Amino acid sequence: MAGGLLVAGLAELSAVSLARNGRNAASLPQRAFTIGLHTFGWGVLLFLVLPLLVVVPLSFNAGSFLTYPLSGISGRWYADLAASPSWSKAFRNSFFVGIITTVLATGLGTAAALGIKRLGAGRAKWISLVILSPIIVPVVITAVGVYFLYAPFGLVSSFTGLILAHTVLAAPFVVITVAATLDGFDPNLLRAAASCGASPFVAFRRVMLPLIMPGVVSGAIFAFAISFDDIVMALFLAGPEQRTLPVQMFNGVREEISPTITAAATLLVVLAVILLGIVEYLRKRSRRLGIAAADAGQH
């Protein structure tokens, strides 16, 4: 993901540079710098993607060992993944925790972003720092603190405690994406709706929410991904009944290395690709809406 964003950024930077100077008029140092940026970006991308190219074929290996060359092509490990009660339960737990975390984090993060935008620059800066602190502080430190906080209340080894902890981790990502979308929102639209007799809630639901929806949905996707992929917080707070997919994979690697793990990893890769595709579609849609709104404002 990071490599793809880096390559996209480098490509956009190169395009801007060429647009300013002209492709034919660009000097030799500029061309060398552009080529260097592209080379470095693609190198980082390959470094991140190559492990996936190793894991995915192994999930279709007919043999019982994680070795190359493959013994044959088979879907036996996917069948074993579907038939295993422990793996199936881990998938259900991850989706259950992830969905509820997404709902809570999206609601709280959207409300926080709206509130921050209404504050002055000074107060907004400090409140944003507090809200975004789970991103800054290492997860293991947060997990230890949450463990000792939850233990007296009996929230350790419970779905409630795990969902609340994941909400704390995921909400800042919703705040970031929604706040970025709000930067392009024209507050005069709310004033126009109020002048037409709309209540604040109706104006938010009918005017603001449709325009910031791409940011809200993108934040929800990130919140789900953070919850679904978390292992550190789950190791501290989840009991045997709350074991999620990352914890199941960690235990599988520690206790016995089975190709079933590669099947689960491949499914996670597919899920990540789907989520990134949705985010990219929403990003382009948000850009189109922003251009359309800007054109409407000029007319």
Protein backbone atom coordinates (compact mmCIF):
# COMPACT_ATOMS: atom_id res chain seq x y z
CA MET A 1 0.00 0.00 0.00
CA ALA A 2 2.74 2.43 1.02
CA GLY A 3 4.77 1.59 -2.09
CA GLY A 4 1.79 2.16 -4.36
CA LEU A 5 1.11 5.55 -2.79
CA LEU A 6 4.80 6.44 -3.14
CA VAL A 7 4.87 5.50 -6.81
CA ALA A 8 1.69 7.47 -7.43
CA GLY A 9 3.16 10.50 -5.69
CA LEU A 10 6.39 10.28 -7.64
CA ALA A 11 4.50 9.92 -10.89
CA GLU A 12 2.37 12.96 -10.08
CA LEU A 13 5.46 14.97 -9.15
CA SER A 14 7.11 14.02 -12.42
CA ALA A 15 4.02 14.92 -14.39
CA VAL A 16 3.86 18.36 -12.77
CA SER A 17 7.52 18.93 -13.49
CA LEU A 18 7.12 17.96 -17.13
CA ALA A 19 3.98 20.07 -17.50
CA ARG A 20 5.80 23.15 -16.24
CA ASN A 21 8.95 22.78 -18.26
CA GLY A 22 7.75 20.89 -21.31
CA ARG A 23 8.82 17.36 -22.13
CA ASN A 24 11.22 18.39 -24.85
CA ALA A 25 12.50 21.46 -22.99
CA ALA A 26 13.32 19.63 -19.75
CA SER A 27 17.01 19.81 -18.92
CA LEU A 28 19.18 16.75 -18.48
CA PRO A 29 19.33 17.06 -14.63
CA GLN A 30 15.55 17.29 -14.48
CA ARG A 31 15.17 14.17 -16.58
CA ALA A 32 17.72 12.32 -14.46
CA PHE A 33 15.93 13.38 -11.27
CA THR A 34 12.57 12.20 -12.67
CA ILE A 35 14.01 8.85 -13.74
CA GLY A 36 15.63 8.47 -10.33
CA LEU A 37 12.33 9.14 -8.55
CA HIS A 38 10.51 6.56 -10.67
CA THR A 39 13.25 3.99 -10.18
CA PHE A 40 13.31 4.46 -6.43
CA GLY A 41 9.51 4.29 -6.19
CA TRP A 42 9.24 1.12 -8.25
CA GLY A 43 12.08 -0.40 -6.24
CA VAL A 44 10.20 0.21 -2.99
CA LEU A 45 7.02 -1.18 -4.53
CA LEU A 46 8.77 -4.37 -5.66
CA PHE A 47 10.33 -4.74 -2.20
CA LEU A 48 6.84 -4.66 -0.66
CA VAL A 49 5.13 -6.84 -3.26
CA LEU A 50 7.71 -9.60 -3.72
CA PRO A 51 6.80 -11.38 -0.43
CA LEU A 52 3.22 -11.61 -1.70
CA LEU A 53 4.43 -13.18 -4.92
CA VAL A 54 6.08 -15.86 -2.80
CA VAL A 55 3.16 -16.56 -0.45
CA VAL A 56 0.30 -16.68 -2.95
CA PRO A 57 1.65 -19.57 -5.10
CA LEU A 58 2.46 -21.58 -1.96
CA SER A 59 -1.22 -21.52 -0.99
CA PHE A 60 -1.94 -23.64 -4.10
CA ASN A 61 0.86 -26.11 -3.43
CA ALA A 62 -0.24 -29.75 -3.47
CA GLY A 63 2.56 -30.72 -1.10
CA SER A 64 2.58 -30.45 2.68
CA PHE A 65 5.70 -28.28 2.93
CA LEU A 66 6.40 -24.61 2.19
CA THR A 67 9.01 -25.27 -0.47
CA TYR A 68 9.76 -24.45 -4.09
CA PRO A 69 9.35 -25.84 -6.69
CA LEU A 70 5.69 -26.66 -6.07
CA SER A 71 4.72 -30.32 -5.87
CA GLY A 72 1.61 -29.56 -7.88
CA ILE A 73 -1.42 -27.30 -8.03
CA SER A 74 -4.22 -27.95 -5.56
CA GLY A 75 -6.85 -26.15 -3.53
CA ARG A 76 -6.56 -28.54 -0.60
CA TRP A 77 -5.37 -25.86 1.82
CA TYR A 78 -8.35 -23.67 1.07
CA ALA A 79 -10.61 -26.64 1.72
CA ASP A 80 -8.72 -27.30 4.95
CA LEU A 81 -9.14 -23.65 5.89
CA ALA A 82 -12.90 -23.80 5.34
CA ALA A 83 -13.28 -27.12 7.18
CA SER A 84 -11.23 -26.15 10.23
CA PRO A 85 -13.40 -25.01 13.18
CA SER A 86 -10.60 -22.89 14.66
CA TRP A 87 -9.92 -21.01 11.42
CA SER A 88 -13.63 -20.52 10.71
CA LYS A 89 -14.17 -19.17 14.21
CA ALA A 90 -11.21 -16.82 13.83
CA PHE A 91 -12.67 -15.47 10.58
CA ARG A 92 -16.07 -14.94 12.21
CA ASN A 93 -14.54 -13.20 15.21
CA SER A 94 -12.47 -10.89 13.01
CA PHE A 95 -15.46 -9.88 10.89
CA PHE A 96 -17.69 -9.47 13.96
CA VAL A 97 -15.19 -7.27 15.79
CA GLY A 98 -14.24 -5.41 12.61
CA ILE A 99 -17.81 -4.53 11.63
CA ILE A 100 -18.84 -3.26 15.06
CA THR A 101 -15.55 -1.37 15.40
CA THR A 102 -16.15 0.22 11.99
CA VAL A 103 -19.61 1.44 12.99
CA LEU A 104 -18.41 2.91 16.29
CA ALA A 105 -15.20 4.41 14.91
CA THR A 106 -16.94 5.93 11.88
CA GLY A 107 -19.61 7.61 13.98
CA LEU A 108 -17.21 8.91 16.62
CA GLY A 109 -14.53 9.90 14.11
CA THR A 110 -16.96 11.78 11.87
CA ALA A 111 -18.43 13.65 14.86
CA ALA A 112 -14.93 14.49 16.09
CA ALA A 113 -13.87 15.81 12.68
CA LEU A 114 -16.97 17.99 12.46
CA GLY A 115 -16.35 19.34 15.96
CA ILE A 116 -12.69 20.09 15.30
CA LYS A 117 -13.58 22.07 12.18
CA ARG A 118 -15.83 24.32 14.28
CA LEU A 119 -13.11 25.13 16.82
CA GLY A 120 -10.46 27.78 16.65
CA ALA A 121 -7.04 26.93 15.34
CA GLY A 122 -5.44 26.82 18.80
CA ARG A 123 -7.93 24.50 20.47
CA ALA A 124 -8.33 22.37 17.35
CA LYS A 125 -4.58 21.75 17.30
CA TRP A 126 -4.44 20.39 20.86
CA ILE A 127 -7.64 18.37 20.59
CA SER A 128 -6.43 16.85 17.31
CA LEU A 129 -3.19 15.91 19.01
CA VAL A 130 -5.09 14.05 21.73
CA ILE A 131 -7.41 12.30 19.27
CA LEU A 132 -4.54 11.26 16.98
CA SER A 133 -2.31 10.08 19.85
CA PRO A 134 -3.15 6.36 19.29
CA ILE A 135 -1.39 6.69 15.92
CA ILE A 136 1.68 8.32 17.47
CA VAL A 137 2.09 6.09 20.53
CA PRO A 138 3.42 2.56 19.79
CA VAL A 139 0.58 0.03 19.78
CA VAL A 140 2.29 -2.22 22.32
CA ILE A 141 2.39 0.63 24.86
CA THR A 142 -1.27 1.38 24.24
CA ALA A 143 -2.10 -2.31 24.58
CA VAL A 144 -0.33 -2.59 27.95
CA GLY A 145 -2.10 0.51 29.24
CA VAL A 146 -5.49 -0.66 28.01
CA TYR A 147 -4.93 -4.08 29.57
CA PHE A 148 -4.31 -2.64 33.04
CA LEU A 149 -7.21 -0.22 32.59
CA TYR A 150 -9.68 -2.92 31.53
CA ALA A 151 -8.60 -5.62 33.99
CA PRO A 152 -10.41 -4.20 37.08
CA PHE A 153 -13.64 -3.89 35.07
CA GLY A 154 -13.56 -7.43 33.69
CA LEU A 155 -13.20 -6.28 30.08
CA VAL A 156 -10.15 -8.44 29.38
CA SER A 157 -10.96 -11.62 27.39
CA SER A 158 -14.24 -10.12 26.21
CA PHE A 159 -15.57 -8.90 22.89
CA THR A 160 -16.60 -5.61 24.49
CA GLY A 161 -13.08 -4.79 25.61
CA LEU A 162 -11.56 -5.80 22.27
CA ILE A 163 -14.07 -3.74 20.28
CA LEU A 164 -13.56 -0.67 22.46
CA ALA A 165 -9.78 -0.97 22.12
CA HIS A 166 -10.00 -1.35 18.34
CA THR A 167 -12.31 1.67 18.20
CA VAL A 168 -9.65 3.74 19.95
CA LEU A 169 -7.09 2.62 17.35
CA ALA A 170 -9.36 3.08 14.33
CA ALA A 171 -11.16 6.35 15.11
CA PRO A 172 -8.14 8.61 14.37
CA PHE A 173 -7.99 7.31 10.79
CA VAL A 174 -11.63 8.27 10.32
CA VAL A 175 -10.91 11.73 11.73
CA ILE A 176 -8.07 12.23 9.26
CA THR A 177 -10.04 11.19 6.17
CA VAL A 178 -13.22 13.07 7.09
CA ALA A 179 -11.26 16.20 8.06
CA ALA A 180 -9.49 16.11 4.69
CA THR A 181 -12.87 15.92 2.95
CA LEU A 182 -14.26 18.78 5.03
CA ASP A 183 -11.44 21.02 3.79
CA GLY A 184 -13.13 21.07 0.39
CA PHE A 185 -16.65 21.60 1.74
CA ASP A 186 -18.22 25.04 1.29
CA PRO A 187 -20.00 26.09 4.55
CA ASN A 188 -22.14 28.50 2.56
CA LEU A 189 -24.16 25.47 1.43
CA LEU A 190 -25.31 24.92 5.02
CA ARG A 191 -26.25 28.59 5.33
CA ALA A 192 -28.23 28.34 2.11
CA ALA A 193 -30.06 25.27 3.42
CA ALA A 194 -30.83 27.05 6.70
CA SER A 195 -32.20 30.06 4.78
CA CYS A 196 -34.57 27.65 3.03
CA GLY A 197 -35.93 26.50 6.39
CA ALA A 198 -33.91 23.32 6.88
CA SER A 199 -33.01 22.33 10.44
CA PRO A 200 -29.33 21.69 11.27
CA PHE A 201 -29.90 17.93 11.19
CA VAL A 202 -31.73 18.05 7.85
CA ALA A 203 -29.03 20.32 6.39
CA PHE A 204 -26.34 17.91 7.52
CA ARG A 205 -28.18 14.85 6.21
CA ARG A 206 -29.31 16.31 2.89
CA VAL A 207 -26.47 18.71 2.04
CA MET A 208 -23.24 17.99 3.89
CA LEU A 209 -23.32 14.22 4.29
CA PRO A 210 -23.68 13.38 0.56
CA LEU A 211 -20.69 15.61 -0.26
CA ILE A 212 -18.41 14.23 2.48
CA MET A 213 -19.62 10.65 2.09
CA PRO A 214 -16.53 9.53 0.12
CA GLY A 215 -14.36 10.60 3.05
CA VAL A 216 -16.65 8.92 5.56
CA VAL A 217 -16.69 5.65 3.64
CA SER A 218 -12.92 5.78 3.13
CA GLY A 219 -12.47 6.29 6.87
CA ALA A 220 -14.78 3.36 7.55
CA ILE A 221 -12.73 1.14 5.26
CA PHE A 222 -9.52 2.14 7.01
CA ALA A 223 -11.17 1.52 10.39
CA PHE A 224 -12.22 -1.98 9.32
CA ALA A 225 -8.74 -2.72 7.98
CA ILE A 226 -7.09 -1.54 11.21
CA SER A 227 -9.37 -3.73 13.31
CA PHE A 228 -9.16 -6.75 11.04
CA ASP A 229 -5.37 -6.59 10.84
CA ASP A 230 -4.61 -5.87 14.51
CA ILE A 231 -2.65 -8.48 16.42
CA VAL A 232 -0.91 -6.61 19.26
CA MET A 233 -4.08 -5.42 20.99
CA ALA A 234 -5.75 -8.78 20.40
CA LEU A 235 -2.85 -10.67 22.00
CA PHE A 236 -3.31 -8.64 25.19
CA LEU A 237 -7.11 -8.51 25.35
CA ALA A 238 -8.53 -11.51 23.47
CA GLY A 239 -9.17 -14.81 25.17
CA PRO A 240 -9.66 -18.21 23.51
CA GLU A 241 -13.23 -17.33 22.55
CA GLN A 242 -12.24 -13.96 21.07
CA ARG A 243 -9.27 -15.21 19.01
CA THR A 244 -9.12 -13.26 15.76
CA LEU A 245 -7.58 -14.26 12.44
CA PRO A 246 -4.21 -12.49 12.96
CA VAL A 247 -3.86 -14.18 16.37
CA GLN A 248 -4.75 -17.53 14.84
CA MET A 249 -2.11 -17.03 12.15
CA PHE A 250 0.46 -16.00 14.75
CA ASN A 251 -0.23 -19.08 16.83
CA GLY A 252 -0.10 -21.24 13.72
CA VAL A 253 3.34 -19.93 12.78
CA ARG A 254 4.59 -20.37 16.35
CA GLU A 255 3.19 -23.87 16.95
CA GLU A 256 3.14 -25.52 13.53
CA ILE A 257 3.88 -24.17 10.08
CA SER A 258 1.09 -25.39 7.83
CA PRO A 259 0.33 -24.27 4.26
CA THR A 260 -3.14 -23.43 5.58
CA ILE A 261 -1.58 -20.20 6.83
CA THR A 262 -0.65 -19.26 3.27
CA ALA A 263 -4.27 -19.79 2.18
CA ALA A 264 -5.46 -17.45 4.93
CA ALA A 265 -2.76 -14.92 4.00
CA THR A 266 -3.82 -15.02 0.35
CA LEU A 267 -7.41 -14.28 1.31
CA LEU A 268 -6.21 -11.31 3.35
CA VAL A 269 -4.27 -10.05 0.32
CA VAL A 270 -7.39 -10.30 -1.83
CA LEU A 271 -9.40 -8.44 0.83
CA ALA A 272 -6.75 -5.71 1.00
CA VAL A 273 -6.76 -5.29 -2.78
CA ILE A 274 -10.56 -4.97 -2.80
CA LEU A 275 -10.52 -2.38 0.00
CA LEU A 276 -7.78 -0.36 -1.71
CA GLY A 277 -9.75 -0.46 -4.95
CA ILE A 278 -12.80 0.95 -3.18
CA VAL A 279 -10.73 3.69 -1.54
CA GLU A 280 -9.21 4.66 -4.89
CA TYR A 281 -12.66 4.79 -6.51
CA LEU A 282 -13.95 7.00 -3.69
CA ARG A 283 -10.90 9.26 -3.97
CA LYS A 284 -11.55 9.83 -7.67
CA ARG A 285 -15.27 10.35 -7.02
CA SER A 286 -14.51 12.89 -4.29
CA ARG A 287 -12.20 14.76 -6.67
CA ARG A 288 -14.92 14.85 -9.34
CA LEU A 289 -17.46 16.14 -6.82
CA GLY A 290 -15.03 18.82 -5.69
CA ILE A 291 -14.43 19.97 -9.27
CA ALA A 292 -18.17 20.00 -9.97
CA ALA A 293 -18.85 22.00 -6.80
CA ALA A 294 -16.12 24.48 -7.70
CA ASP A 295 -17.55 24.95 -11.20
CA ALA A 296 -21.04 25.44 -9.77
CA GLY A 297 -19.73 28.05 -7.35
CA GLN A 298 -18.07 29.99 -10.16
CA HIS A 299 -21.31 30.08 -12.13
